[in-house]
Protein backbone atom coordinates (compact mmCIF):
# COMPACT_ATOMS: atom_id res chain seq x y z
CA MET A 1 -7.85 27.94 11.03
CA LYS A 2 -5.69 25.60 13.11
CA LYS A 3 -2.07 25.89 14.11
CA TYR A 4 0.33 23.23 15.38
CA ARG A 5 3.77 23.83 16.89
CA PHE A 6 6.41 21.10 16.64
CA LYS A 7 9.92 20.54 17.93
CA GLY A 8 10.88 19.43 14.42
CA LEU A 9 9.29 19.29 10.96
CA LEU A 10 10.98 17.24 8.25
CA GLN A 11 11.50 18.99 4.93
CA ASN A 12 13.05 17.67 1.70
CA SER A 13 16.63 18.43 2.70
CA SER A 14 16.63 18.88 6.48
CA TRP A 15 14.65 19.43 9.65
CA LEU A 16 13.06 22.75 10.60
CA GLU A 17 13.19 23.25 14.36
CA ASP A 18 10.56 24.87 16.58
CA VAL A 19 8.09 25.76 13.82
CA SER A 20 4.35 26.18 13.63
CA VAL A 21 2.16 24.92 10.81
CA SER A 22 -1.03 26.82 10.06
CA VAL A 23 -3.85 25.14 8.15
CA ASP A 24 -7.14 26.47 6.80
CA GLU A 25 -10.62 24.96 7.05
CA LYS A 26 -9.83 22.63 4.10
CA GLY A 27 -6.74 21.28 5.87
CA LEU A 28 -4.33 23.04 3.50
CA ILE A 29 -1.07 24.50 4.79
CA THR A 30 -1.16 28.30 4.81
CA ALA A 31 2.07 29.01 6.70
CA ILE A 32 5.16 27.37 8.17
CA ASP A 33 6.96 29.81 10.44
CA GLN A 34 7.97 30.63 14.00
CA ASN A 35 4.90 32.68 14.82
CA HIS A 36 3.53 30.46 17.57
CA GLU A 37 0.60 32.61 18.66
CA GLY A 38 -2.47 30.41 19.15
CA ALA A 39 -0.63 27.20 18.28
CA GLU A 40 -1.28 23.80 19.85
CA PHE A 41 2.17 22.88 21.15
CA VAL A 42 3.13 19.26 20.52
CA THR A 43 6.52 18.13 21.80
CA ALA A 44 7.00 16.03 18.73
CA LEU A 45 8.66 15.47 15.37
CA ALA A 46 6.41 15.65 12.29
CA LEU A 47 7.04 13.51 9.20
CA PRO A 48 4.93 13.41 6.04
CA GLY A 49 2.33 10.67 6.33
CA PHE A 50 3.19 7.25 4.91
CA GLN A 51 1.44 5.54 1.97
CA THR A 52 0.68 1.85 1.73
CA ALA A 53 0.70 1.19 -2.01
CA HIS A 54 -0.73 -2.33 -1.89
CA SER A 55 -3.63 -3.56 0.24
CA HIS A 56 -6.08 -6.47 0.20
CA ALA A 57 -8.40 -5.31 2.97
CA PHE A 58 -10.41 -8.52 3.41
CA GLN A 59 -7.21 -10.48 4.12
CA TYR A 60 -6.80 -8.59 7.40
CA ALA A 61 -9.41 -10.96 8.81
CA MET A 62 -7.01 -13.90 8.38
CA ALA A 63 -3.82 -12.32 9.78
CA GLY A 64 -2.08 -14.95 11.90
CA LEU A 65 -4.45 -17.79 11.00
CA THR A 66 -2.01 -19.64 8.74
CA GLU A 67 0.95 -19.83 11.12
CA ASN A 68 0.29 -23.08 13.05
CA HIS A 69 2.45 -25.28 10.85
CA GLY A 70 1.94 -28.90 11.83
CA ALA A 71 3.47 -32.06 10.39
CA GLU A 72 0.64 -32.28 7.86
CA SER A 73 1.62 -28.86 6.47
CA ALA A 74 5.22 -29.76 5.60
CA HIS A 75 4.76 -28.28 2.14
CA ASN A 76 3.01 -25.12 3.29
CA ASP A 77 3.69 -22.35 0.79
CA PHE A 78 2.02 -19.46 -1.02
CA TRP A 79 -0.31 -21.79 -2.89
CA SER A 80 -1.58 -23.52 0.24
CA TRP A 81 -1.92 -20.14 1.97
CA ARG A 82 -4.06 -19.06 -1.00
CA GLU A 83 -6.61 -21.76 -0.19
CA THR A 84 -7.27 -20.14 3.20
CA MET A 85 -7.59 -16.79 1.48
CA TYR A 86 -10.18 -18.26 -0.92
CA GLN A 87 -12.20 -19.59 2.01
CA ILE A 88 -12.51 -16.09 3.47
CA ALA A 89 -13.17 -14.51 0.08
CA LEU A 90 -16.09 -16.88 -0.49
CA THR A 91 -17.83 -16.21 2.82
CA ILE A 92 -17.53 -12.47 3.43
CA SER A 93 -20.56 -10.19 2.92
CA PRO A 94 -20.49 -6.54 1.80
CA GLU A 95 -21.30 -5.40 5.36
CA GLU A 96 -18.54 -7.57 6.80
CA LEU A 97 -16.06 -6.32 4.20
CA GLU A 98 -16.81 -2.72 5.16
CA SER A 99 -16.39 -3.47 8.88
CA ILE A 100 -13.10 -5.31 8.38
CA ALA A 101 -11.75 -2.62 6.05
CA ALA A 102 -12.71 0.17 8.46
CA MET A 103 -10.84 -1.57 11.28
CA LEU A 104 -7.82 -2.14 9.07
CA TYR A 105 -7.75 1.40 7.72
CA SER A 106 -8.11 2.88 11.21
CA GLU A 107 -5.15 0.77 12.33
CA MET A 108 -3.18 2.02 9.33
CA VAL A 109 -3.91 5.58 10.45
CA ARG A 110 -2.82 4.76 14.00
CA HIS A 111 0.49 3.50 12.61
CA GLY A 112 1.09 6.64 10.54
CA TYR A 113 -0.35 5.82 7.12
CA THR A 114 -2.39 8.65 5.60
CA HIS A 115 -3.18 7.10 2.19
CA VAL A 116 -3.89 3.53 1.02
CA ALA A 117 -4.17 1.99 -2.45
CA GLU A 118 -6.66 -0.90 -2.37
CA PHE A 119 -5.84 -3.63 -4.91
CA HIS A 120 -9.43 -4.81 -5.13
CA TYR A 121 -10.60 -8.02 -6.81
CA LEU A 122 -13.40 -9.29 -4.52
CA HIS A 123 -16.11 -7.98 -6.84
CA HIS A 124 -19.23 -10.19 -6.93
CA ASN A 125 -21.73 -11.91 -4.65
CA LYS A 126 -21.18 -15.32 -3.09
CA ASP A 127 -22.57 -17.05 -6.18
CA GLY A 128 -20.14 -15.18 -8.41
CA LYS A 129 -22.84 -12.99 -9.93
CA PRO A 130 -22.48 -9.20 -10.20
CA TYR A 131 -24.39 -7.13 -7.67
CA SER A 132 -27.06 -4.78 -9.06
CA ASN A 133 -24.54 -2.11 -8.11
CA LEU A 134 -21.47 -3.44 -9.94
CA ALA A 135 -19.22 -1.60 -7.49
CA GLU A 136 -21.01 -2.76 -4.33
CA HIS A 137 -17.77 -3.80 -2.69
CA GLY A 138 -15.93 -0.78 -4.05
CA ASP A 139 -18.57 1.44 -2.45
CA ARG A 140 -18.08 -0.41 0.83
CA LEU A 141 -14.32 0.11 0.72
CA VAL A 142 -14.71 3.82 0.01
CA ALA A 143 -17.13 4.07 2.95
CA ALA A 144 -14.67 2.23 5.19
CA ALA A 145 -11.90 4.65 4.24
CA GLN A 146 -14.19 7.59 5.02
CA THR A 147 -15.00 6.09 8.42
CA ALA A 148 -11.30 5.66 9.15
CA GLY A 149 -10.42 9.11 7.79
CA ILE A 150 -7.69 7.80 5.50
CA LYS A 151 -7.15 8.92 1.90
CA PHE A 152 -7.97 6.22 -0.56
CA THR A 153 -7.16 5.04 -4.06
CA LEU A 154 -9.45 2.29 -5.33
CA LEU A 155 -7.79 -0.10 -7.79
CA PRO A 156 -10.47 -2.41 -9.23
CA MET A 157 -8.65 -5.37 -10.74
CA PHE A 158 -9.33 -7.26 -13.95
CA TYR A 159 -9.37 -10.98 -13.02
CA GLN A 160 -10.48 -13.28 -15.83
CA THR A 161 -8.86 -16.75 -15.75
CA GLY A 162 -7.88 -19.43 -13.27
CA GLY A 163 -4.25 -19.49 -14.37
CA PHE A 164 -2.34 -19.64 -17.63
CA GLY A 165 -4.79 -21.05 -20.18
CA LYS A 166 -7.17 -22.25 -17.46
CA GLN A 167 -10.81 -21.54 -16.80
CA PRO A 168 -11.45 -19.89 -13.41
CA GLY A 169 -12.13 -22.33 -10.62
CA PRO A 170 -15.24 -22.21 -8.43
CA ARG A 171 -13.22 -20.74 -5.55
CA GLN A 172 -12.36 -17.74 -7.75
CA ARG A 173 -15.94 -17.02 -8.80
CA ARG A 174 -16.26 -13.74 -6.89
CA PHE A 175 -13.30 -12.21 -8.74
CA ILE A 176 -14.15 -12.80 -12.38
CA SER A 177 -14.87 -10.39 -15.24
CA LYS A 178 -15.20 -12.52 -18.36
CA THR A 179 -14.36 -9.83 -20.92
CA VAL A 180 -12.64 -6.46 -21.21
CA GLU A 181 -16.09 -4.94 -21.66
CA ASP A 182 -17.24 -6.49 -18.38
CA TYR A 183 -14.18 -5.09 -16.66
CA TYR A 184 -14.70 -1.67 -18.17
CA ARG A 185 -18.29 -1.54 -16.84
CA LEU A 186 -16.98 -2.58 -13.40
CA TRP A 187 -14.30 0.10 -13.58
CA GLU A 188 -16.81 2.81 -14.56
CA ALA A 189 -19.02 1.88 -11.60
CA SER A 190 -15.96 1.93 -9.33
CA LYS A 191 -15.00 5.35 -10.62
CA LYS A 192 -18.46 6.65 -9.71
CA ALA A 193 -18.04 5.19 -6.22
CA THR A 194 -14.93 7.30 -5.67
CA GLU A 195 -16.50 10.48 -7.03
CA HIS A 196 -18.76 10.77 -3.99
CA CYS A 197 -15.76 11.13 -1.69
CA LYS A 198 -13.30 14.04 -2.00
CA SER A 199 -10.49 12.01 -0.42
CA ALA A 200 -10.92 9.04 -2.82
CA SER A 201 -9.54 8.49 -6.31
CA ILE A 202 -9.43 5.74 -8.93
CA GLY A 203 -6.77 3.65 -10.64
CA TYR A 204 -6.91 0.40 -12.59
CA GLY A 205 -5.03 -2.83 -13.11
CA ILE A 206 -4.72 -6.49 -13.87
CA HIS A 207 -4.44 -9.00 -11.06
CA SER A 208 -1.50 -10.81 -12.73
CA ILE A 209 -0.25 -12.17 -16.04
CA ARG A 210 -1.73 -15.56 -15.14
CA ALA A 211 -5.18 -14.10 -14.43
CA VAL A 212 -5.97 -12.38 -17.77
CA GLU A 213 -5.68 -13.56 -21.37
CA ALA A 214 -2.86 -12.09 -23.42
CA ARG A 215 -4.97 -10.17 -25.92
CA ASP A 216 -6.92 -8.54 -23.09
CA ILE A 217 -3.82 -7.61 -21.12
CA LYS A 218 -2.64 -5.73 -24.20
CA LYS A 219 -5.99 -3.94 -24.46
CA VAL A 220 -5.94 -2.78 -20.85
CA VAL A 221 -2.32 -1.81 -20.12
CA GLY A 222 -1.88 1.85 -20.89
CA HIS A 223 -5.30 2.21 -22.53
CA ASP A 224 -6.60 5.79 -22.44
CA GLN A 225 -10.14 4.75 -21.50
CA PHE A 226 -8.85 4.19 -17.98
CA SER A 227 -7.33 6.80 -15.66
CA GLY A 228 -5.08 6.81 -12.65
CA PRO A 229 -2.11 4.59 -11.80
CA PHE A 230 -1.88 1.05 -13.21
CA HIS A 231 -1.01 -1.80 -10.79
CA ILE A 232 -0.26 -5.50 -11.38
CA HIS A 233 1.18 -8.46 -9.42
CA VAL A 234 4.32 -9.80 -11.12
CA ALA A 235 6.92 -12.53 -10.58
CA GLU A 236 5.96 -13.25 -6.98
CA GLN A 237 6.46 -17.01 -7.01
CA LEU A 238 8.84 -19.40 -8.81
CA LYS A 239 5.93 -21.60 -9.90
CA GLU A 240 4.28 -18.58 -11.53
CA ILE A 241 7.43 -17.96 -13.57
CA GLU A 242 7.76 -21.61 -14.57
CA ASP A 243 4.11 -21.72 -15.66
CA CYS A 244 4.48 -18.48 -17.61
CA ILE A 245 7.53 -19.78 -19.47
CA ALA A 246 5.71 -23.02 -20.27
CA PHE A 247 2.68 -21.13 -21.60
CA TYR A 248 4.14 -17.99 -23.24
CA GLY A 249 7.80 -18.86 -23.67
CA ASN A 250 8.60 -15.76 -21.60
CA ARG A 251 8.92 -14.88 -17.95
CA PRO A 252 6.11 -12.58 -16.62
CA VAL A 253 8.09 -9.34 -16.58
CA GLU A 254 9.79 -10.26 -19.85
CA TRP A 255 6.37 -10.80 -21.44
CA LEU A 256 5.10 -7.44 -20.16
CA ILE A 257 8.17 -5.66 -21.52
CA ASN A 258 7.82 -7.28 -24.94
CA ASN A 259 4.07 -6.88 -25.30
CA THR A 260 2.88 -3.76 -23.44
CA ASN A 261 3.63 -0.11 -22.99
CA LEU A 262 5.23 -0.45 -19.58
CA ASN A 263 5.93 3.09 -18.35
CA GLU A 264 6.18 5.42 -15.35
CA ASN A 265 2.45 5.06 -14.62
CA CYS A 266 2.89 1.31 -14.00
CA HIS A 267 3.42 -0.15 -10.53
CA LEU A 268 4.66 -3.74 -10.43
CA VAL A 269 3.85 -5.44 -7.14
CA HIS A 270 6.39 -7.82 -5.50
CA ALA A 271 8.75 -8.92 -8.34
CA PRO A 272 11.35 -10.73 -6.21
CA GLN A 273 12.11 -13.25 -8.98
CA LEU A 274 13.87 -11.13 -11.61
CA LEU A 275 16.75 -11.55 -14.03
CA GLU A 276 19.21 -8.71 -14.46
CA LYS A 277 17.84 -7.86 -17.91
CA GLU A 278 14.35 -7.53 -16.41
CA ILE A 279 15.62 -5.24 -13.67
CA LYS A 280 17.24 -3.04 -16.30
CA ALA A 281 14.14 -3.01 -18.49
CA ILE A 282 11.83 -1.96 -15.63
CA ALA A 283 14.18 0.85 -14.64
CA ASN A 284 14.72 1.96 -18.25
CA ARG A 285 10.98 2.14 -18.86
CA GLY A 286 10.54 4.27 -15.73
CA ALA A 287 8.14 1.76 -14.16
CA ASN A 288 7.80 1.51 -10.38
CA VAL A 289 7.96 -1.48 -8.07
CA VAL A 290 5.75 -1.89 -4.98
CA LEU A 291 7.46 -3.94 -2.27
CA CYS A 292 5.57 -5.55 0.64
CA PRO A 293 8.37 -6.85 2.88
CA SER A 294 6.37 -8.25 5.80
CA THR A 295 3.95 -10.14 3.52
CA GLU A 296 6.69 -11.24 1.11
CA GLY A 297 8.64 -12.60 4.06
CA ASN A 298 5.56 -14.24 5.53
CA LEU A 299 4.75 -16.01 2.25
CA GLY A 300 8.34 -16.94 1.42
CA ASP A 301 8.23 -14.98 -1.84
CA GLY A 302 11.89 -14.01 -2.02
CA ILE A 303 13.96 -10.83 -1.81
CA PHE A 304 13.72 -8.11 -4.42
CA PRO A 305 17.12 -7.07 -5.93
CA LEU A 306 16.78 -3.53 -4.64
CA ARG A 307 20.41 -2.38 -4.82
CA LYS A 308 20.77 -3.23 -8.50
CA PHE A 309 17.38 -1.64 -9.25
CA GLN A 310 18.37 1.58 -7.48
CA GLU A 311 21.72 1.73 -9.24
CA LEU A 312 19.75 1.90 -12.48
CA GLY A 313 17.51 4.67 -11.19
CA GLY A 314 14.58 2.40 -10.31
CA ARG A 315 11.77 3.72 -8.12
CA TRP A 316 10.00 1.79 -5.34
CA SER A 317 7.30 2.14 -2.69
CA ILE A 318 6.00 -0.03 0.14
CA GLY A 319 2.70 -1.81 0.73
CA THR A 320 1.14 -3.88 3.50
CA ASP A 321 -0.59 -6.43 1.22
CA SER A 322 -2.08 -9.11 3.53
CA HIS A 323 -1.48 -6.90 6.62
CA ILE A 324 0.49 -9.39 8.68
CA GLY A 325 2.37 -6.22 9.66
CA LEU A 326 1.19 -2.61 9.73
CA ASN A 327 4.22 -0.61 10.90
CA PRO A 328 5.73 1.37 7.98
CA CYS A 329 9.07 1.65 9.74
CA GLU A 330 9.11 -2.13 10.16
CA GLU A 331 8.39 -2.60 6.45
CA LEU A 332 11.39 -0.45 5.68
CA ARG A 333 13.61 -2.35 8.12
CA ILE A 334 12.62 -5.77 6.77
CA LEU A 335 13.34 -4.50 3.27
CA ASP A 336 16.73 -3.10 4.26
CA TYR A 337 17.80 -6.04 6.41
CA GLY A 338 16.97 -8.52 3.66
CA GLN A 339 19.36 -6.61 1.41
CA ARG A 340 22.05 -6.51 4.11
CA LEU A 341 21.78 -10.24 4.77
CA THR A 342 22.29 -11.08 1.09
CA SER A 343 24.91 -8.42 0.29
CA HIS A 344 26.80 -8.52 3.62
CA LYS A 345 26.86 -4.71 3.48
CA ARG A 346 25.01 -2.09 5.51
CA ASN A 347 24.56 0.68 2.94
CA THR A 348 21.97 -0.96 0.72
CA PHE A 349 19.92 2.14 -0.17
CA ILE A 350 21.41 4.62 -2.61
CA ASN A 351 20.51 7.96 -4.17
CA PRO A 352 23.28 10.02 -5.77
CA ASN A 353 21.23 13.22 -5.58
CA LYS A 354 21.21 13.43 -1.79
CA SER A 355 24.03 13.06 0.71
CA ASN A 356 21.91 12.02 3.71
CA TYR A 357 21.56 8.23 3.47
CA THR A 358 18.42 7.86 5.56
CA LEU A 359 16.72 10.90 4.04
CA CYS A 360 17.39 9.41 0.58
CA THR A 361 15.62 6.23 1.61
CA PHE A 362 12.63 8.07 3.03
CA ASP A 363 12.46 10.31 -0.02
CA GLN A 364 12.35 7.36 -2.44
CA MET A 365 9.64 5.63 -0.46
CA LEU A 366 7.54 8.80 -0.20
CA SER A 367 7.76 10.01 -3.79
CA SER A 368 7.00 6.61 -5.34
CA GLY A 369 4.31 5.96 -2.75
CA ARG A 370 2.54 9.13 -3.80
CA ALA A 371 2.86 8.14 -7.45
CA ALA A 372 1.28 4.76 -6.65
CA MET A 373 -1.72 6.64 -5.24
CA GLY A 374 -1.99 8.72 -8.40
CA GLN A 375 -0.95 11.84 -6.48
CA PRO A 376 1.64 14.43 -7.56
CA SER A 377 4.91 14.11 -5.69
CA LYS A 378 5.16 17.56 -4.17
CA GLY A 379 7.56 18.55 -1.44
CA TYR A 380 7.22 17.17 2.04
CA PHE A 381 5.14 20.03 3.48
CA GLU A 382 4.38 22.70 0.90
CA LEU A 383 2.12 25.73 1.10
CA ASN A 384 -1.39 25.06 -0.23
CA SER A 385 -0.93 21.29 0.09
CA PRO A 386 -2.85 19.10 2.58
CA PHE A 387 -1.27 18.81 5.99
CA ASP A 388 -0.93 15.01 6.28
CA ALA A 389 1.59 14.01 8.92
CA VAL A 390 2.61 11.32 11.36
CA ILE A 391 3.63 12.82 14.69
CA PHE A 392 6.32 11.12 16.79
CA ASP A 393 6.70 11.85 20.50
CA ALA A 394 9.97 13.77 20.97
CA LYS A 395 9.92 12.89 24.70
CA GLN A 396 10.74 9.27 23.91
CA PRO A 397 14.03 8.65 25.76
CA LEU A 398 16.07 7.90 22.67
CA LEU A 399 14.75 10.91 20.73
CA ALA A 400 14.97 13.28 23.71
CA ASN A 401 18.70 12.59 23.93
CA THR A 402 19.52 12.55 20.20
CA ALA A 403 21.04 15.24 18.00
CA ARG A 404 18.97 16.48 15.05
CA GLU A 405 21.06 14.68 12.42
CA TYR A 406 20.07 11.34 13.97
CA TRP A 407 16.35 11.99 14.44
CA LEU A 408 15.22 10.38 11.20
CA PRO A 409 17.37 7.21 11.41
CA THR A 410 16.35 6.80 15.04
CA LEU A 411 12.69 6.96 14.01
CA LEU A 412 12.96 4.69 10.99
CA TYR A 413 15.16 2.07 12.64
CA SER A 414 14.01 2.11 16.29
CA ALA A 415 10.45 3.43 16.59
CA ASP A 416 7.33 1.34 17.11
CA ALA A 417 3.68 2.38 17.30
CA SER A 418 4.03 3.49 20.93
CA TRP A 419 6.28 6.35 19.75
CA ILE A 420 3.53 7.81 17.60
CA LYS A 421 1.77 10.72 19.24
CA GLY A 422 -0.86 10.71 16.52
CA THR A 423 -1.68 11.08 12.84
CA ILE A 424 -2.99 14.26 11.22
CA ILE A 425 -4.88 14.09 7.91
CA ASP A 426 -6.14 17.22 6.18
CA GLY A 427 -5.08 19.27 9.16
CA ARG A 428 -6.95 17.39 11.89
CA TRP A 429 -6.07 14.68 14.36
CA VAL A 430 -7.52 11.38 13.15
CA ALA A 431 -5.57 9.31 15.66
CA LYS A 432 -4.09 10.65 18.87
CA ASN A 433 -2.31 9.11 21.84
CA ASN A 434 -2.19 5.75 20.07
CA LEU A 435 -5.96 5.60 19.54
CA HIS A 436 -8.13 6.31 16.51
CA HIS A 437 -10.75 8.97 17.25
CA ASP A 438 -13.60 6.57 16.34
CA HIS A 439 -12.00 3.45 17.75
CA GLU A 440 -14.87 2.09 19.86
CA LYS A 441 -17.47 2.18 17.10
CA ILE A 442 -15.10 0.71 14.52
CA ARG A 443 -13.94 -2.01 16.89
CA TYR A 444 -17.52 -2.97 17.79
CA THR A 445 -18.61 -3.50 14.17
CA PHE A 446 -15.36 -5.31 13.40
CA SER A 447 -15.81 -7.74 16.30
CA LYS A 448 -19.41 -8.34 15.28
CA ALA A 449 -18.34 -9.16 11.71
CA LEU A 450 -15.62 -11.59 12.80
CA LYS A 451 -17.95 -13.40 15.19
CA LYS A 452 -20.46 -13.84 12.39
CA LEU A 453 -17.77 -15.14 10.04
CA ALA A 454 -16.46 -17.52 12.75
CA LEU A 455 -13.00 -17.44 11.26
CA ARG A 456 -10.79 -17.03 14.28
CA GLY A 457 -11.92 -19.80 16.61
């Protein structure tokens, strides 16, 4: 039994002040009250842990490596960036993937994330052949999450073609499952990989409309042989939309709506390039959108029409994607400020069911983030639920001199990683005082992997 005492604990409708949280040996909350006997006192504000609903772990190794834009890179865009990504994908070993992922996931924990959904398509060996263990890389990612202490949803992706009507290119060889049957065998092996870890779960998905043949997309989306949340990249780039129209006569989201059972279990990643009818259709079907503001900004993807989507009852979560940024508060700010810059208004988030503007925003992000993990969206801190929390230092000068009603907006719009006192997952400190509990070991193996890859000069 452990007990923590906080200056403030965020609940669904308001803050509780000066409360203690008791947890059992499984990390489940057994009491929230003002009985402070035996409690570890933390002068801090506790928020539910964040979720990153979209991650490509191996891409963390290339963060910052595509930013030296010289005269020869005048046409640098997503598609040229992708070539650098391919280079890394073709050289990384299973051991190096695990080391990079462990470093990334530990940094996520340090920044307040307690759960990550890994959109995983780096499946095979360097020759493009399946490993004897079909889920070799999936196993490595699960192991990395265990090392970092973060909760984990593995999303093995079906990746079949090199584009609309194109054979896969040699640089895509590590991604490819030729048939639905091949993908299903990969998914079954991935499911077994998660079953060995109590904090891991499984989902499924398709990399994108361009990466799987139409008949096989229809077989996979919503099929009952798979379990967990369904994820897919959609409408990220203008060229992708133009190519889809040329090939199918429909835009990507339009094609999905017309040909699949798009529903509340579906999570559409990015989707900045939407028509109003597509926005309405996604919301009407109850599907979710996963937004990755720092990566979408970095790649020049565009700005998702969030206000219109919310007006129609649409649900959204955030992801870190290529991990050019890892601060969840920063993701939220980039998302909000993009809306403000295009609308010339400051109240871009809406939720008619709550009066507190900032709490509405946090609530939307949290509930859809949990859904993207395949987890039930319970209350913020409920009895018999895991105690997963990010702990902000209440002694920070701004917070120490701020009334309770402004605590949450001050955190979401002003805090950086230095404000975080630590992250608690399943009732125990996994990161504390801005340092992961296993930082030195994780950092050593990470540095060793990057030196061997010789990626960063």
